[in-house]
N, C-alpha and C. Protein backbone atom coordinates (compact mmCIF):
# COMPACT_ATOMS: atom_id res chain seq x y z
N MET A 1 92.06 115.29 111.45
CA MET A 1 93.19 114.47 111.06
C MET A 1 93.06 114.02 109.60
N LEU A 2 91.82 113.77 109.18
CA LEU A 2 91.59 113.36 107.80
C LEU A 2 91.99 114.50 106.85
N LEU A 3 91.69 115.74 107.24
CA LEU A 3 92.09 116.88 106.41
C LEU A 3 93.60 117.00 106.30
N GLY A 4 94.31 116.63 107.35
CA GLY A 4 95.79 116.62 107.30
C GLY A 4 96.30 115.62 106.30
N PHE A 5 95.73 114.41 106.30
CA PHE A 5 96.15 113.38 105.33
C PHE A 5 95.83 113.82 103.89
N ILE A 6 94.65 114.42 103.72
CA ILE A 6 94.25 114.87 102.37
C ILE A 6 95.17 115.99 101.90
N GLY A 7 95.45 116.94 102.77
CA GLY A 7 96.35 118.03 102.40
C GLY A 7 97.76 117.54 102.12
N LEU A 8 98.27 116.62 102.93
CA LEU A 8 99.59 116.06 102.69
C LEU A 8 99.64 115.34 101.35
N PHE A 9 98.61 114.57 101.05
CA PHE A 9 98.56 113.82 99.80
C PHE A 9 98.57 114.77 98.61
N ILE A 10 97.75 115.80 98.64
CA ILE A 10 97.64 116.75 97.50
C ILE A 10 98.92 117.52 97.32
N VAL A 11 99.50 118.06 98.37
CA VAL A 11 100.71 118.87 98.25
C VAL A 11 101.90 117.99 97.83
N TYR A 12 101.99 116.79 98.34
CA TYR A 12 103.09 115.89 97.97
C TYR A 12 102.96 115.43 96.50
N ALA A 13 101.75 115.14 96.08
CA ALA A 13 101.53 114.76 94.68
C ALA A 13 101.85 115.92 93.76
N LEU A 14 101.43 117.13 94.11
CA LEU A 14 101.75 118.28 93.27
C LEU A 14 103.25 118.59 93.22
N SER A 15 103.93 118.38 94.32
CA SER A 15 105.37 118.64 94.31
C SER A 15 106.11 117.63 93.43
N HIS A 16 105.69 116.36 93.43
CA HIS A 16 106.31 115.37 92.54
C HIS A 16 105.92 115.67 91.07
N TYR A 17 104.75 116.16 90.87
CA TYR A 17 104.31 116.57 89.51
C TYR A 17 105.17 117.71 89.00
N TRP A 18 105.43 118.72 89.87
CA TRP A 18 106.25 119.87 89.47
C TRP A 18 107.70 119.44 89.20
N ILE A 19 108.25 118.55 90.02
CA ILE A 19 109.61 118.06 89.80
C ILE A 19 109.70 117.29 88.48
N THR A 20 108.67 116.53 88.16
CA THR A 20 108.71 115.76 86.92
C THR A 20 108.65 116.70 85.72
N ILE A 21 107.85 117.74 85.79
CA ILE A 21 107.73 118.70 84.68
C ILE A 21 108.99 119.56 84.55
N GLU A 22 109.45 120.12 85.67
CA GLU A 22 110.63 121.00 85.65
C GLU A 22 111.60 120.49 86.72
N LYS A 23 112.69 119.91 86.31
CA LYS A 23 113.62 119.22 87.22
C LYS A 23 114.34 120.16 88.17
N ARG A 24 114.43 121.43 87.84
CA ARG A 24 115.20 122.36 88.68
C ARG A 24 114.32 123.20 89.60
N ASP A 25 113.14 122.69 89.93
CA ASP A 25 112.22 123.41 90.78
C ASP A 25 112.67 123.21 92.26
N PHE A 26 113.29 124.24 92.81
CA PHE A 26 113.83 124.17 94.17
C PHE A 26 112.76 124.03 95.23
N PHE A 27 111.66 124.77 95.08
CA PHE A 27 110.58 124.72 96.07
C PHE A 27 109.98 123.31 96.15
N ALA A 28 109.72 122.71 95.01
CA ALA A 28 109.17 121.36 95.04
C ALA A 28 110.15 120.34 95.59
N THR A 29 111.44 120.53 95.34
CA THR A 29 112.45 119.66 95.90
C THR A 29 112.47 119.73 97.43
N VAL A 30 112.35 120.94 97.95
CA VAL A 30 112.33 121.11 99.42
C VAL A 30 111.06 120.46 99.96
N LEU A 31 109.93 120.64 99.29
CA LEU A 31 108.69 119.98 99.76
C LEU A 31 108.83 118.47 99.77
N VAL A 32 109.43 117.89 98.76
CA VAL A 32 109.58 116.44 98.68
C VAL A 32 110.46 115.91 99.83
N ILE A 33 111.45 116.71 100.22
CA ILE A 33 112.34 116.28 101.30
C ILE A 33 111.68 116.45 102.66
N VAL A 34 110.99 117.58 102.87
CA VAL A 34 110.51 117.96 104.19
C VAL A 34 109.15 117.33 104.53
N LEU A 35 108.27 117.22 103.56
CA LEU A 35 106.91 116.78 103.88
C LEU A 35 106.79 115.40 104.52
N PRO A 36 107.55 114.39 104.13
CA PRO A 36 107.42 113.11 104.89
C PRO A 36 107.77 113.25 106.37
N PHE A 37 108.79 114.04 106.69
CA PHE A 37 109.09 114.23 108.09
C PHE A 37 108.02 114.98 108.85
N VAL A 38 107.49 115.99 108.22
CA VAL A 38 106.39 116.74 108.87
C VAL A 38 105.17 115.86 109.01
N GLY A 39 104.88 115.04 107.99
CA GLY A 39 103.74 114.12 108.06
C GLY A 39 103.90 113.10 109.15
N VAL A 40 105.09 112.53 109.30
CA VAL A 40 105.28 111.53 110.35
C VAL A 40 105.19 112.19 111.72
N TYR A 41 105.71 113.37 111.84
CA TYR A 41 105.68 114.07 113.16
C TYR A 41 104.26 114.36 113.58
N TYR A 42 103.43 114.92 112.65
CA TYR A 42 102.09 115.32 113.05
C TYR A 42 101.02 114.24 112.85
N LEU A 43 101.21 113.36 111.87
CA LEU A 43 100.12 112.40 111.54
C LEU A 43 100.46 110.94 111.85
N GLY A 44 101.72 110.63 112.05
CA GLY A 44 102.10 109.26 112.37
C GLY A 44 102.65 108.54 111.13
N TRP A 45 102.94 107.25 111.33
CA TRP A 45 103.60 106.48 110.30
C TRP A 45 102.74 106.25 109.04
N MET A 46 101.42 106.37 109.20
CA MET A 46 100.53 106.21 108.06
C MET A 46 100.78 107.27 107.01
N ALA A 47 101.31 108.39 107.39
CA ALA A 47 101.61 109.48 106.44
C ALA A 47 102.63 109.03 105.40
N LEU A 48 103.53 108.13 105.74
CA LEU A 48 104.50 107.66 104.75
C LEU A 48 103.85 106.88 103.62
N LEU A 49 102.81 106.13 103.93
CA LEU A 49 102.08 105.42 102.88
C LEU A 49 101.38 106.39 101.97
N TYR A 50 100.83 107.43 102.54
CA TYR A 50 100.20 108.48 101.71
C TYR A 50 101.23 109.19 100.83
N CYS A 51 102.43 109.40 101.37
CA CYS A 51 103.47 110.04 100.60
C CYS A 51 103.92 109.17 99.45
N VAL A 52 104.05 107.87 99.68
CA VAL A 52 104.47 106.95 98.60
C VAL A 52 103.40 106.92 97.50
N LEU A 53 102.14 106.82 97.87
CA LEU A 53 101.07 106.84 96.86
C LEU A 53 101.01 108.16 96.12
N ALA A 54 101.15 109.25 96.83
CA ALA A 54 101.11 110.58 96.19
C ALA A 54 102.31 110.74 95.25
N ALA A 55 103.49 110.23 95.64
CA ALA A 55 104.68 110.32 94.78
C ALA A 55 104.43 109.54 93.49
N TYR A 56 103.89 108.38 93.61
CA TYR A 56 103.60 107.55 92.41
C TYR A 56 102.63 108.26 91.45
N LEU A 57 101.51 108.73 92.02
CA LEU A 57 100.49 109.32 91.19
C LEU A 57 100.94 110.67 90.61
N GLY A 58 101.66 111.48 91.40
CA GLY A 58 102.16 112.76 90.90
C GLY A 58 103.16 112.58 89.79
N THR A 59 104.09 111.62 89.95
CA THR A 59 105.08 111.37 88.89
C THR A 59 104.41 110.80 87.64
N LYS A 60 103.44 109.92 87.86
CA LYS A 60 102.74 109.32 86.72
C LYS A 60 102.01 110.42 85.91
N ALA A 61 101.36 111.36 86.60
CA ALA A 61 100.66 112.45 85.92
C ALA A 61 101.64 113.37 85.19
N GLY A 62 102.81 113.62 85.85
CA GLY A 62 103.80 114.47 85.18
C GLY A 62 104.40 113.82 83.94
N LEU A 63 104.64 112.56 84.00
CA LEU A 63 105.17 111.84 82.82
C LEU A 63 104.12 111.79 81.70
N LYS A 64 102.87 111.66 82.07
CA LYS A 64 101.83 111.65 81.05
C LYS A 64 101.73 113.00 80.37
N LYS A 65 101.91 114.09 81.12
CA LYS A 65 101.87 115.43 80.52
C LYS A 65 103.09 115.63 79.64
N LEU A 66 104.27 115.19 80.08
CA LEU A 66 105.47 115.33 79.28
C LEU A 66 105.37 114.53 77.98
N HIS A 67 104.76 113.38 78.06
CA HIS A 67 104.61 112.53 76.89
C HIS A 67 103.68 113.17 75.89
N ARG A 68 102.66 113.88 76.35
CA ARG A 68 101.74 114.56 75.44
C ARG A 68 102.38 115.79 74.82
N SER A 69 103.21 116.48 75.57
CA SER A 69 103.77 117.76 75.09
C SER A 69 104.97 117.59 74.18
N ARG A 70 105.77 116.58 74.41
CA ARG A 70 106.94 116.35 73.57
C ARG A 70 107.30 114.83 73.58
N ALA A 71 107.98 114.44 72.56
CA ALA A 71 108.35 113.03 72.46
C ALA A 71 109.49 112.73 73.41
N LEU A 72 109.33 111.68 74.20
CA LEU A 72 110.38 111.25 75.11
C LEU A 72 111.16 110.15 74.48
N ARG A 73 112.50 110.31 74.48
CA ARG A 73 113.33 109.26 73.89
C ARG A 73 113.92 108.42 75.02
N VAL A 74 113.70 107.13 74.91
CA VAL A 74 114.28 106.24 75.90
C VAL A 74 115.68 105.84 75.52
N SER A 75 115.91 105.64 74.23
CA SER A 75 117.22 105.21 73.75
C SER A 75 117.53 105.99 72.49
N PHE A 76 118.82 106.17 72.23
CA PHE A 76 119.24 106.84 71.02
C PHE A 76 119.29 105.90 69.83
N TYR A 77 119.22 104.63 70.10
CA TYR A 77 119.37 103.62 69.04
C TYR A 77 118.12 102.77 68.94
N ASP A 78 117.75 102.42 67.71
CA ASP A 78 116.71 101.43 67.50
C ASP A 78 117.27 100.06 67.70
N ASP A 79 116.38 99.08 67.78
CA ASP A 79 116.83 97.70 67.93
C ASP A 79 117.62 97.24 66.72
N LYS A 80 117.26 97.78 65.53
CA LYS A 80 117.92 97.34 64.32
C LYS A 80 119.30 97.98 64.14
N ASP A 81 119.51 99.16 64.72
CA ASP A 81 120.76 99.87 64.55
C ASP A 81 121.86 99.25 65.43
N GLU A 82 123.05 99.33 64.89
CA GLU A 82 124.19 98.88 65.68
C GLU A 82 124.76 100.10 66.43
N LYS A 83 125.23 99.85 67.62
CA LYS A 83 125.85 100.90 68.37
C LYS A 83 127.23 101.15 67.83
N PRO A 84 127.68 102.43 67.78
CA PRO A 84 129.01 102.72 67.22
C PRO A 84 130.10 102.09 68.08
N GLN A 85 131.16 101.72 67.44
CA GLN A 85 132.29 101.12 68.13
C GLN A 85 133.11 102.21 68.82
N GLN A 86 133.54 101.97 70.01
CA GLN A 86 134.32 102.93 70.76
C GLN A 86 135.80 102.83 70.46
């Protein structure tokens, strides 16, 4: 049972990592949707906690890699700049 939790954690974290890196990854999207249901069916409700933790860590690792590879822009405007009038 412990191997099931470890496997679920690793695969779910990797799928969130892949989605963060490449947003159109269909396989990772299917894994993110299906794995919590499979985990609850075979491992019980504790699997959802592992999925939440894996999602957090996988997304955090993906954002860290994206930040290293290219600059991420949060806003198009600096605090000093005025936004254009509509």
